Amino acid sequence: MPLFLLSSPLSLHILTQIRNKDTDQINFRKGLVRLGRLIGYEIANTMDYEIIEVETPLGVKTKGVRIYDLENVIIINILRAATPLVEGLLKAFPAARQGVVTARRKEFEGKEPPKEMEVEIFYEKIPKIRKGIDNVIISDPMVATASTMLKVLEKVEKEEPKRIYIASVIASEYGVKRILELYPQVYFFTISIDPELNNKGYIIPGLGDAGDRSFG
């Protein structure tokens, strides 16, 4: 699985801000939007392109690059936490078609970190995925046990898109490993891979509940 860890100083600066418990709702949400834009640009750098010739206003012809895959993008928003991240991704992919998946995980508290969370998907609306053409970006800021992400990946992979991308902010080592073993072809983009899950299934050190911190 191509794993892309965005460790630029700017990415880490924004991540540090949203990890901080004292960051308010507005600035937390703005941070996710900014990270979505940065992740989107990095994803675009992996897409297929062609060399073309254009003419400048000075009447001179020159060669350039056209990323034609920018026209073949579907972004799936895992509601509600991914909404600010998707807002940022749309800055990089303004022509993207959009899908939504509304998922809710059952609250859990045990003696040990859970291996899997019980997830209910109670609404989904995804545009038609063109086989071998569309690049599908699944957006979820937190990939903990990966239980939600795996359910969405199962649905998307059946449609045989050209590529599947995951756009996240923080993933757990365990969640990355689960996805890697089942979907080695997925392009996984994240800012940080955190080492642990607590007994409620939250990523440690993490940043808390991204949906609640974004929307109250």
Protein backbone atom coordinates (compact mmCIF):
# COMPACT_ATOMS: atom_id res chain seq x y z
CA MET A 1 0.00 0.00 0.00
CA PRO A 2 1.43 3.38 -0.96
CA LEU A 3 1.54 5.22 2.38
CA PHE A 4 2.10 8.98 2.26
CA LEU A 5 3.00 10.71 5.52
CA LEU A 6 2.77 14.48 5.09
CA SER A 7 5.48 15.64 7.45
CA SER A 8 6.17 19.15 6.13
CA PRO A 9 6.61 21.82 8.82
CA LEU A 10 3.37 23.55 7.74
CA SER A 11 1.32 20.32 7.98
CA LEU A 12 2.75 19.57 11.41
CA HIS A 13 2.21 23.17 12.53
CA ILE A 14 -1.50 22.96 11.71
CA LEU A 15 -1.78 19.49 13.24
CA THR A 16 -0.21 20.76 16.46
CA GLN A 17 -2.77 23.54 16.61
CA ILE A 18 -5.76 21.22 16.27
CA ARG A 19 -4.33 18.68 18.73
CA ASN A 20 -4.29 21.42 21.39
CA LYS A 21 -7.30 21.07 23.71
CA ASP A 22 -7.48 24.88 24.00
CA THR A 23 -8.09 25.38 20.27
CA ASP A 24 -11.67 26.59 19.85
CA GLN A 25 -14.32 25.21 17.50
CA ILE A 26 -13.80 27.76 14.73
CA ASN A 27 -10.02 27.40 14.58
CA PHE A 28 -10.22 23.61 14.86
CA ARG A 29 -12.52 23.51 11.86
CA LYS A 30 -10.34 25.96 9.92
CA GLY A 31 -7.33 23.75 10.64
CA LEU A 32 -9.05 20.73 9.13
CA VAL A 33 -9.94 22.76 6.03
CA ARG A 34 -6.31 23.84 5.60
CA LEU A 35 -5.07 20.27 6.00
CA GLY A 36 -7.64 19.05 3.47
CA ARG A 37 -6.24 21.47 0.91
CA LEU A 38 -2.65 20.36 1.58
CA ILE A 39 -3.59 16.68 1.37
CA GLY A 40 -5.49 17.36 -1.85
CA TYR A 41 -2.45 18.91 -3.51
CA GLU A 42 -0.32 15.92 -2.50
CA ILE A 43 -2.90 13.52 -3.90
CA ALA A 44 -2.96 15.47 -7.18
CA ASN A 45 0.79 14.94 -7.51
CA THR A 46 0.22 11.17 -7.82
CA MET A 47 -2.39 11.40 -10.57
CA ASP A 48 -1.85 10.73 -14.26
CA TYR A 49 -0.90 13.62 -16.53
CA GLU A 50 0.17 14.38 -20.07
CA ILE A 51 2.58 16.80 -21.70
CA ILE A 52 0.77 19.41 -23.80
CA GLU A 53 1.71 22.46 -25.82
CA VAL A 54 0.20 25.91 -25.18
CA GLU A 55 0.70 29.34 -26.64
CA THR A 56 1.46 32.25 -24.30
CA PRO A 57 0.08 35.81 -24.76
CA LEU A 58 3.43 36.66 -26.37
CA GLY A 59 2.71 34.29 -29.25
CA VAL A 60 5.29 31.76 -28.08
CA LYS A 61 4.54 28.06 -27.85
CA THR A 62 5.79 26.12 -24.84
CA LYS A 63 5.31 22.70 -23.32
CA GLY A 64 3.44 22.16 -20.08
CA VAL A 65 1.59 19.60 -17.99
CA ARG A 66 -2.11 18.77 -17.83
CA ILE A 67 -3.26 16.48 -15.00
CA TYR A 68 -6.25 15.00 -16.79
CA ASP A 69 -7.24 12.91 -13.77
CA LEU A 70 -8.36 16.12 -12.03
CA GLU A 71 -11.50 15.77 -14.13
CA ASN A 72 -12.16 12.24 -12.85
CA VAL A 73 -12.44 12.61 -9.08
CA ILE A 74 -15.10 11.51 -6.62
CA ILE A 75 -14.80 12.58 -2.98
CA ILE A 76 -16.70 10.57 -0.39
CA ASN A 77 -17.46 12.49 2.79
CA ILE A 78 -17.87 10.29 5.87
CA LEU A 79 -20.28 12.45 7.85
CA ARG A 80 -20.07 14.47 9.91
CA ALA A 81 -16.43 14.64 10.94
CA ALA A 82 -15.00 14.79 7.41
CA THR A 83 -16.98 17.83 6.26
CA PRO A 84 -14.24 20.44 6.95
CA LEU A 85 -11.60 18.14 5.46
CA VAL A 86 -13.70 17.75 2.31
CA GLU A 87 -14.08 21.54 2.10
CA GLY A 88 -10.29 21.73 1.86
CA LEU A 89 -10.06 18.87 -0.63
CA LEU A 90 -12.48 20.71 -2.91
CA LYS A 91 -9.97 23.56 -3.16
CA ALA A 92 -7.65 21.10 -4.88
CA PHE A 93 -10.40 19.28 -6.81
CA PRO A 94 -13.08 21.89 -7.64
CA ALA A 95 -14.59 19.68 -10.36
CA ALA A 96 -14.98 16.65 -8.09
CA ARG A 97 -18.28 14.85 -7.79
CA GLN A 98 -19.26 14.19 -4.21
CA GLY A 99 -20.73 11.33 -2.26
CA VAL A 100 -21.72 11.02 1.38
CA VAL A 101 -21.77 8.16 3.83
CA THR A 102 -23.40 8.72 7.21
CA ALA A 103 -21.87 6.34 9.73
CA ARG A 104 -22.10 6.02 13.48
CA ARG A 105 -20.03 3.79 15.67
CA LYS A 106 -21.47 2.25 18.79
CA GLU A 107 -19.85 3.59 21.94
CA PHE A 108 -17.49 1.11 23.52
CA GLU A 109 -15.55 0.90 26.76
CA GLY A 110 -13.62 -2.20 27.73
CA LYS A 111 -10.52 -3.24 29.60
CA GLU A 112 -8.44 -3.38 26.42
CA PRO A 113 -8.43 -1.36 23.19
CA PRO A 114 -11.04 -2.75 20.78
CA LYS A 115 -9.96 -4.69 17.71
CA GLU A 116 -13.08 -3.61 15.86
CA MET A 117 -15.93 -1.20 16.47
CA GLU A 118 -19.57 -1.86 15.70
CA VAL A 119 -20.44 0.60 12.94
CA GLU A 120 -23.87 1.44 11.56
CA ILE A 121 -24.11 2.99 8.09
CA PHE A 122 -27.62 4.41 7.85
CA TYR A 123 -27.36 6.55 4.72
CA GLU A 124 -25.16 6.60 1.64
CA LYS A 125 -25.30 8.43 -1.67
CA ILE A 126 -22.33 7.92 -3.98
CA PRO A 127 -22.15 9.01 -7.63
CA LYS A 128 -21.70 6.33 -10.26
CA ILE A 129 -18.06 5.24 -10.22
CA ARG A 130 -16.72 4.69 -13.72
CA LYS A 131 -14.65 1.53 -13.89
CA GLY A 132 -10.98 2.21 -14.53
CA ILE A 133 -11.58 5.95 -14.90
CA ASP A 134 -12.55 7.58 -11.62
CA ASN A 135 -10.22 8.30 -8.73
CA VAL A 136 -12.15 7.93 -5.48
CA ILE A 137 -11.02 9.82 -2.38
CA ILE A 138 -12.53 8.60 0.90
CA SER A 139 -12.24 11.34 3.50
CA ASP A 140 -12.27 10.72 7.25
CA PRO A 141 -10.02 12.74 9.58
CA MET A 142 -9.53 9.91 12.08
CA VAL A 143 -8.80 6.27 11.21
CA ALA A 144 -8.78 4.44 14.55
CA THR A 145 -9.73 0.75 14.34
CA ALA A 146 -10.53 1.37 10.63
CA SER A 147 -13.93 -0.31 11.06
CA THR A 148 -15.81 2.50 9.29
CA MET A 149 -13.22 2.91 6.56
CA LEU A 150 -13.21 -0.81 5.78
CA LYS A 151 -16.99 -0.80 5.28
CA VAL A 152 -16.70 2.06 2.79
CA LEU A 153 -13.70 0.52 1.05
CA GLU A 154 -15.63 -2.70 0.52
CA LYS A 155 -18.39 -0.81 -1.28
CA VAL A 156 -16.02 1.29 -3.40
CA GLU A 157 -13.67 -1.49 -4.45
CA LYS A 158 -16.53 -3.47 -6.01
CA GLU A 159 -16.94 -0.68 -8.56
CA GLU A 160 -13.29 -1.05 -9.69
CA PRO A 161 -12.24 2.62 -9.83
CA LYS A 162 -8.90 3.62 -11.31
CA ARG A 163 -7.47 4.42 -7.87
CA ILE A 164 -8.72 4.62 -4.31
CA TYR A 165 -7.31 7.22 -1.92
CA ILE A 166 -7.78 7.67 1.80
CA ALA A 167 -7.48 11.26 3.05
CA SER A 168 -7.04 11.41 6.83
CA VAL A 169 -5.36 13.59 9.43
CA ILE A 170 -4.44 10.99 12.04
CA ALA A 171 -4.42 7.21 11.79
CA SER A 172 -3.53 4.60 14.36
CA GLU A 173 -0.81 2.08 13.67
CA TYR A 174 -3.42 -0.65 14.12
CA GLY A 175 -5.86 0.95 11.66
CA VAL A 176 -3.19 1.41 9.01
CA LYS A 177 -2.11 -2.21 9.39
CA ARG A 178 -5.68 -3.51 9.00
CA ILE A 179 -6.23 -1.55 5.80
CA LEU A 180 -2.78 -2.44 4.43
CA GLU A 181 -3.43 -6.15 4.84
CA LEU A 182 -6.83 -6.09 3.11
CA TYR A 183 -6.33 -3.34 0.51
CA PRO A 184 -2.64 -3.10 -0.43
CA GLN A 185 -3.50 -1.07 -3.55
CA VAL A 186 -5.01 1.89 -1.68
CA TYR A 187 -3.15 5.21 -1.55
CA PHE A 188 -3.22 6.24 2.11
CA PHE A 189 -2.54 9.92 2.93
CA THR A 190 -2.26 11.12 6.52
CA ILE A 191 -0.39 13.68 8.60
CA SER A 192 0.42 11.45 11.58
CA ILE A 193 0.38 7.79 12.54
CA ASP A 194 -0.25 7.61 16.27
CA PRO A 195 0.84 4.58 18.28
CA GLU A 196 -2.12 3.60 20.45
CA LEU A 197 -5.86 3.22 20.92
CA ASN A 198 -7.44 3.62 24.34
CA ASN A 199 -10.10 1.35 25.83
CA LYS A 200 -12.84 3.40 24.11
CA GLY A 201 -11.29 3.09 20.67
CA TYR A 202 -9.95 6.64 20.51
CA ILE A 203 -6.53 7.35 18.99
CA ILE A 204 -3.81 8.28 21.49
CA PRO A 205 -2.49 11.00 21.62
CA GLY A 206 -5.01 11.88 18.90
CA LEU A 207 -7.06 15.06 19.00
CA GLY A 208 -10.37 13.99 20.51
CA ASP A 209 -13.64 13.65 18.63
CA ALA A 210 -13.15 15.55 15.35
CA GLY A 211 -16.89 15.88 14.70
CA ASP A 212 -17.67 17.28 18.13
CA ARG A 213 -14.70 19.64 18.08
CA SER A 214 -15.70 20.92 14.61
CA PHE A 215 -19.39 21.40 15.21
CA GLY A 216 -19.96 21.45 18.97
